[in-house]
Protein backbone atom coordinates (compact mmCIF):
# COMPACT_ATOMS: atom_id res chain seq x y z
CA MET A 1 -25.25 -12.67 13.48
CA LYS A 2 -27.17 -15.71 13.54
CA ASN A 3 -28.13 -16.66 9.60
CA LYS A 4 -25.60 -13.78 8.16
CA VAL A 5 -23.06 -14.46 5.24
CA ILE A 6 -19.86 -13.37 6.01
CA LEU A 7 -16.90 -13.49 3.36
CA ILE A 8 -13.33 -13.95 4.80
CA THR A 9 -10.73 -13.31 2.97
CA GLY A 10 -6.91 -14.60 4.25
CA ALA A 11 -9.15 -17.06 6.08
CA LEU A 12 -7.32 -20.19 6.40
CA THR A 13 -4.46 -19.73 9.25
CA GLY A 14 -4.16 -17.32 12.22
CA ILE A 15 -6.75 -14.19 12.82
CA GLY A 16 -8.90 -15.02 9.51
CA ARG A 17 -9.00 -18.91 10.90
CA ALA A 18 -9.74 -18.01 14.19
CA THR A 19 -12.81 -15.58 12.94
CA ALA A 20 -14.53 -17.51 10.59
CA LEU A 21 -14.47 -20.13 13.39
CA ALA A 22 -16.12 -17.28 15.97
CA PHE A 23 -18.53 -15.99 13.25
CA ALA A 24 -19.63 -19.84 12.89
CA HIS A 25 -20.26 -20.08 16.25
CA GLU A 26 -22.35 -16.98 16.62
CA GLY A 27 -24.41 -18.52 13.62
CA ALA A 28 -23.42 -17.25 10.85
CA HIS A 29 -23.24 -19.31 7.53
CA ILE A 30 -19.18 -18.60 6.29
CA ALA A 31 -17.59 -18.48 2.85
CA VAL A 32 -13.41 -18.70 3.48
CA SER A 33 -10.89 -18.04 0.93
CA GLY A 34 -7.43 -18.51 0.32
CA ARG A 35 -4.92 -19.73 -1.85
CA HIS A 36 -4.25 -23.42 -0.36
CA ASP A 37 -7.27 -26.45 -1.42
CA GLU A 38 -6.26 -28.63 1.04
CA ALA A 39 -5.79 -26.48 3.89
CA GLY A 40 -9.22 -24.37 2.52
CA ASN A 41 -11.20 -27.43 1.98
CA ALA A 42 -10.82 -28.69 5.38
CA LEU A 43 -11.37 -25.23 7.42
CA ALA A 44 -14.75 -25.54 5.76
CA THR A 45 -15.39 -29.00 6.94
CA GLU A 46 -14.19 -27.90 10.26
CA VAL A 47 -16.79 -25.13 9.93
CA ARG A 48 -19.86 -27.19 8.96
CA ALA A 49 -18.90 -29.37 11.65
CA LEU A 50 -20.44 -26.47 13.60
CA GLY A 51 -24.18 -26.37 12.43
CA VAL A 52 -23.82 -24.13 9.78
CA GLU A 53 -23.25 -23.63 6.06
CA ALA A 54 -19.63 -22.99 4.65
CA GLU A 55 -17.84 -22.95 1.27
CA TYR A 56 -14.36 -22.68 0.66
CA ILE A 57 -13.36 -20.71 -2.44
CA ARG A 58 -10.03 -20.42 -3.85
CA ALA A 59 -8.72 -16.69 -4.52
CA ASP A 60 -5.92 -14.46 -5.08
CA VAL A 61 -6.75 -11.09 -3.56
CA ARG A 62 -3.53 -9.61 -5.95
CA HIS A 63 -5.92 -10.41 -9.51
CA GLU A 64 -8.82 -8.51 -9.91
CA ASP A 65 -10.83 -11.24 -11.90
CA ASP A 66 -10.04 -13.60 -8.61
CA VAL A 67 -11.60 -11.10 -6.48
CA ARG A 68 -14.48 -10.33 -8.35
CA SER A 69 -15.48 -14.22 -8.77
CA LEU A 70 -14.87 -14.73 -5.33
CA VAL A 71 -17.52 -12.34 -4.69
CA ASP A 72 -20.31 -12.98 -7.35
CA LYS A 73 -19.78 -17.37 -5.91
CA THR A 74 -20.20 -15.97 -2.45
CA VAL A 75 -23.20 -14.47 -3.49
CA LYS A 76 -24.39 -16.93 -6.33
CA ARG A 77 -23.76 -19.75 -2.99
CA PHE A 78 -25.59 -18.08 -0.09
CA GLY A 79 -27.88 -15.68 -1.82
CA ARG A 80 -26.07 -12.39 -0.28
CA LEU A 81 -23.04 -11.10 1.21
CA ASP A 82 -23.68 -8.82 4.44
CA VAL A 83 -19.89 -9.16 6.40
CA ALA A 84 -16.72 -9.13 4.68
CA VAL A 85 -13.25 -9.35 6.65
CA ASN A 86 -10.56 -8.46 4.36
CA ASN A 87 -7.72 -10.07 6.55
CA ALA A 88 -5.23 -11.05 3.56
CA GLY A 89 -2.07 -9.76 4.41
CA THR A 90 1.97 -10.48 4.16
CA GLU A 91 4.81 -9.42 6.50
CA GLY A 92 6.51 -8.88 3.34
CA LYS A 93 10.39 -8.88 3.87
CA PRO A 94 11.43 -7.64 7.06
CA GLY A 95 14.75 -5.25 7.17
CA PRO A 96 15.77 -2.03 6.90
CA ILE A 97 14.71 0.57 4.46
CA THR A 98 17.88 0.21 2.46
CA GLU A 99 17.21 -3.25 1.60
CA GLN A 100 14.30 -2.85 0.12
CA THR A 101 13.47 -2.86 -3.62
CA ALA A 102 10.79 -2.19 -6.36
CA GLU A 103 9.98 -6.34 -6.19
CA SER A 104 9.58 -6.24 -1.59
CA TYR A 105 7.73 -2.78 -2.33
CA ALA A 106 5.02 -4.33 -4.76
CA SER A 107 4.76 -7.93 -3.32
CA THR A 108 3.89 -6.37 0.03
CA PHE A 109 1.56 -3.90 -1.74
CA ASP A 110 -0.07 -5.86 -3.75
CA THR A 111 -1.07 -8.23 -1.28
CA ASN A 112 -2.03 -5.67 1.76
CA VAL A 113 -3.27 -2.42 -0.03
CA LEU A 114 -4.57 -3.60 -3.76
CA GLY A 115 -6.00 -6.85 -2.44
CA THR A 116 -7.80 -4.41 0.14
CA MET A 117 -8.38 -2.09 -2.48
CA LEU A 118 -10.06 -4.71 -4.51
CA SER A 119 -12.21 -6.81 -1.89
CA VAL A 120 -13.97 -3.47 -1.06
CA LYS A 121 -14.70 -2.43 -4.04
CA HIS A 122 -16.12 -5.37 -5.22
CA GLU A 123 -18.32 -6.16 -2.03
CA LEU A 124 -19.75 -2.55 -2.06
CA ARG A 125 -20.25 -3.71 -5.94
CA VAL A 126 -23.04 -6.33 -3.91
CA MET A 127 -24.14 -4.38 -1.07
CA LEU A 128 -24.70 -0.98 -1.71
CA PRO A 129 -28.32 -2.45 -3.87
CA ARG A 130 -29.28 -3.52 -0.86
CA ARG A 131 -28.40 -0.66 1.11
CA GLN A 132 -26.66 -2.65 4.06
CA GLY A 133 -23.35 -4.31 4.72
CA SER A 134 -20.38 -4.26 6.95
CA ILE A 135 -17.14 -4.36 5.39
CA VAL A 136 -13.90 -4.70 7.99
CA ASN A 137 -10.28 -4.40 7.17
CA VAL A 138 -7.51 -6.18 9.10
CA SER A 139 -4.68 -3.72 9.62
CA SER A 140 -2.03 -3.60 12.60
CA THR A 141 -1.15 -1.33 15.22
CA PHE A 142 1.69 -0.63 12.26
CA GLY A 143 -1.33 1.45 10.39
CA ARG A 144 -0.55 3.99 13.11
CA ALA A 145 3.06 4.15 14.24
CA GLY A 146 6.19 3.27 12.26
CA GLY A 147 8.63 0.40 13.69
CA PRO A 148 12.44 -0.36 12.86
CA GLY A 149 12.67 -2.91 9.98
CA ALA A 150 9.26 -2.84 8.63
CA SER A 151 9.15 0.51 6.21
CA VAL A 152 7.59 -1.40 3.86
CA TYR A 153 5.12 -3.26 5.73
CA VAL A 154 4.00 0.22 8.44
CA ALA A 155 3.59 2.36 4.51
CA SER A 156 1.26 -0.85 3.72
CA LYS A 157 -0.52 -0.54 6.56
CA HIS A 158 -1.06 3.39 7.21
CA ALA A 159 -2.37 2.43 3.63
CA VAL A 160 -4.90 0.23 4.08
CA GLU A 161 -6.41 2.88 7.12
CA GLY A 162 -6.93 5.45 4.81
CA LEU A 163 -8.20 3.52 2.28
CA THR A 164 -10.81 2.27 4.62
CA LYS A 165 -11.29 6.22 5.79
CA ALA A 166 -12.29 7.40 2.74
CA ALA A 167 -14.38 4.65 1.78
CA ALA A 168 -16.01 4.86 4.58
CA LEU A 169 -16.76 8.28 3.72
CA GLU A 170 -18.45 7.18 0.35
CA VAL A 171 -20.60 5.18 1.52
CA ALA A 172 -21.70 5.70 4.71
CA GLU A 173 -25.34 7.11 3.67
CA ALA A 174 -25.92 4.04 1.71
CA GLY A 175 -26.40 1.90 4.82
CA VAL A 176 -22.63 0.28 4.56
CA ARG A 177 -20.09 0.85 7.03
CA VAL A 178 -16.48 -0.23 6.09
CA LYS A 179 -14.14 0.21 9.79
CA VAL A 180 -10.52 -1.48 10.39
CA VAL A 181 -9.77 -3.67 13.24
CA ALA A 182 -5.64 -2.80 13.73
CA PRO A 183 -4.20 -5.77 16.08
CA GLY A 184 -0.77 -4.96 18.39
CA PRO A 185 1.44 -8.79 18.06
CA ILE A 186 -0.86 -12.36 17.68
CA GLU A 187 0.62 -15.49 18.16
CA THR A 188 0.76 -16.52 14.49
CA GLY A 189 3.00 -17.40 11.90
CA MET A 190 3.25 -13.94 10.57
CA LEU A 191 4.36 -12.84 14.06
CA ASN A 192 7.33 -15.56 13.35
CA ARG A 193 8.09 -14.33 10.41
CA PHE A 194 8.50 -11.13 11.08
CA THR A 195 10.43 -11.46 14.19
CA GLY A 196 12.34 -14.36 12.88
CA ASN A 197 13.89 -16.26 15.86
CA GLU A 198 12.31 -16.65 19.97
CA ASP A 199 15.19 -14.53 20.93
CA LYS A 200 13.61 -11.54 18.91
CA LYS A 201 9.83 -12.42 19.92
CA ALA A 202 10.31 -12.69 23.54
CA ALA A 203 12.07 -9.39 23.86
CA LEU A 204 8.96 -7.90 21.72
CA VAL A 205 6.50 -10.06 24.02
CA SER A 206 8.48 -8.21 26.83
CA ARG A 207 7.04 -4.84 26.05
CA VAL A 208 3.54 -5.71 26.07
CA PRO A 209 2.22 -4.63 29.60
CA LEU A 210 0.36 -8.21 30.07
CA LYS A 211 3.89 -9.77 28.95
CA ARG A 212 2.25 -11.99 26.37
CA ALA A 213 1.20 -11.70 22.63
CA GLY A 214 -2.69 -11.82 21.51
CA LEU A 215 -4.30 -14.94 20.25
CA PRO A 216 -5.95 -14.98 17.40
CA GLU A 217 -9.65 -15.99 19.04
CA GLU A 218 -9.09 -12.58 21.02
CA ILE A 219 -8.66 -10.72 17.94
CA ALA A 220 -11.58 -12.35 15.87
CA GLN A 221 -14.36 -10.91 18.61
CA ALA A 222 -13.32 -7.79 18.28
CA ILE A 223 -13.94 -8.61 14.37
CA VAL A 224 -17.46 -9.81 15.41
CA PHE A 225 -18.32 -7.41 17.10
CA VAL A 226 -17.08 -4.75 15.29
CA ALA A 227 -19.09 -6.23 12.48
CA SER A 228 -22.29 -6.31 14.29
CA ASN A 229 -25.43 -4.61 14.53
CA LYS A 230 -23.53 -3.81 18.54
CA ASP A 231 -21.46 -1.04 16.54
CA LEU A 232 -23.85 0.69 14.06
CA LEU A 233 -22.64 4.32 15.05
CA HIS A 234 -18.83 4.37 13.77
CA HIS A 235 -17.99 4.48 10.26
CA GLY A 236 -14.21 4.32 8.74
CA CYS A 237 -12.97 3.91 12.40
CA VAL A 238 -10.07 2.47 13.35
CA HIS A 239 -10.27 -0.20 16.53
CA ARG A 240 -7.28 -0.45 17.93
CA CYS A 241 -6.62 -3.74 19.69
CA ARG A 242 -3.28 -3.06 22.00
CA TRP A 243 -1.16 -5.07 24.77
CA ARG A 244 1.09 -1.61 25.59
CA GLN A 245 1.34 1.07 27.32
CA THR A 246 0.20 4.62 25.65
CA GLY A 247 2.82 7.20 24.05
CA ARG A 248 5.68 4.78 23.27
CA LEU A 249 6.65 3.56 20.54
CA ILE A 250 4.89 0.60 18.57
CA ARG A 251 7.34 -2.33 17.31
CA GLY A 252 5.50 -5.47 16.50
CA ALA A 253 3.03 -6.84 14.16
CA ARG A 254 -0.71 -9.00 14.03
């Protein structure tokens, strides 16, 4: 990954932040994106301290003009785009489906699905002419299974995985890879918001064979591998990072 140019959405906390630092430790140059300028600039400074180039670019993935500008600014700053990690996401409004609304649906899908689609669209716009590149979309174990109290989030992550598989088939012959990394329960602010309190979080973690949630840094290492030339064969694959027994209902959030 030395001297590769990496763009990460949802980069300011949790998995996104850990991924930015992981790529930087590999010698890559990083564009980090999010909606909070102070945190974004601080992260860019932290990444530069590791001896690589970094830039914070403000963008809201729900808006196509922002996404188009994000990709164009990345290419203008670094000269190209080698890898994109689409990590921007929200847990939405946890609760039974009878309490969901058109508004809660839209707010979740606008970030998780529309944001991913727009990001992939514009990342491919600059990767396809070069006939090379790697895109990693971050999903969840909920992209394959259901979970009570998470209907809209589950549906959004199923959509992300379907979108990824279709996009991968469209561009495989052009030399661009599109894949998914789908974490299980990870120690992030999203997990805390999703579970709501320490008792519910402890109950979730108790069902994990390792008896702990994963760490953002562990998922970051998986993303770096999947994005690298060490994983050239796979197109449209879903790499599931799970800490559970097989054949059981998945109940967790990344």
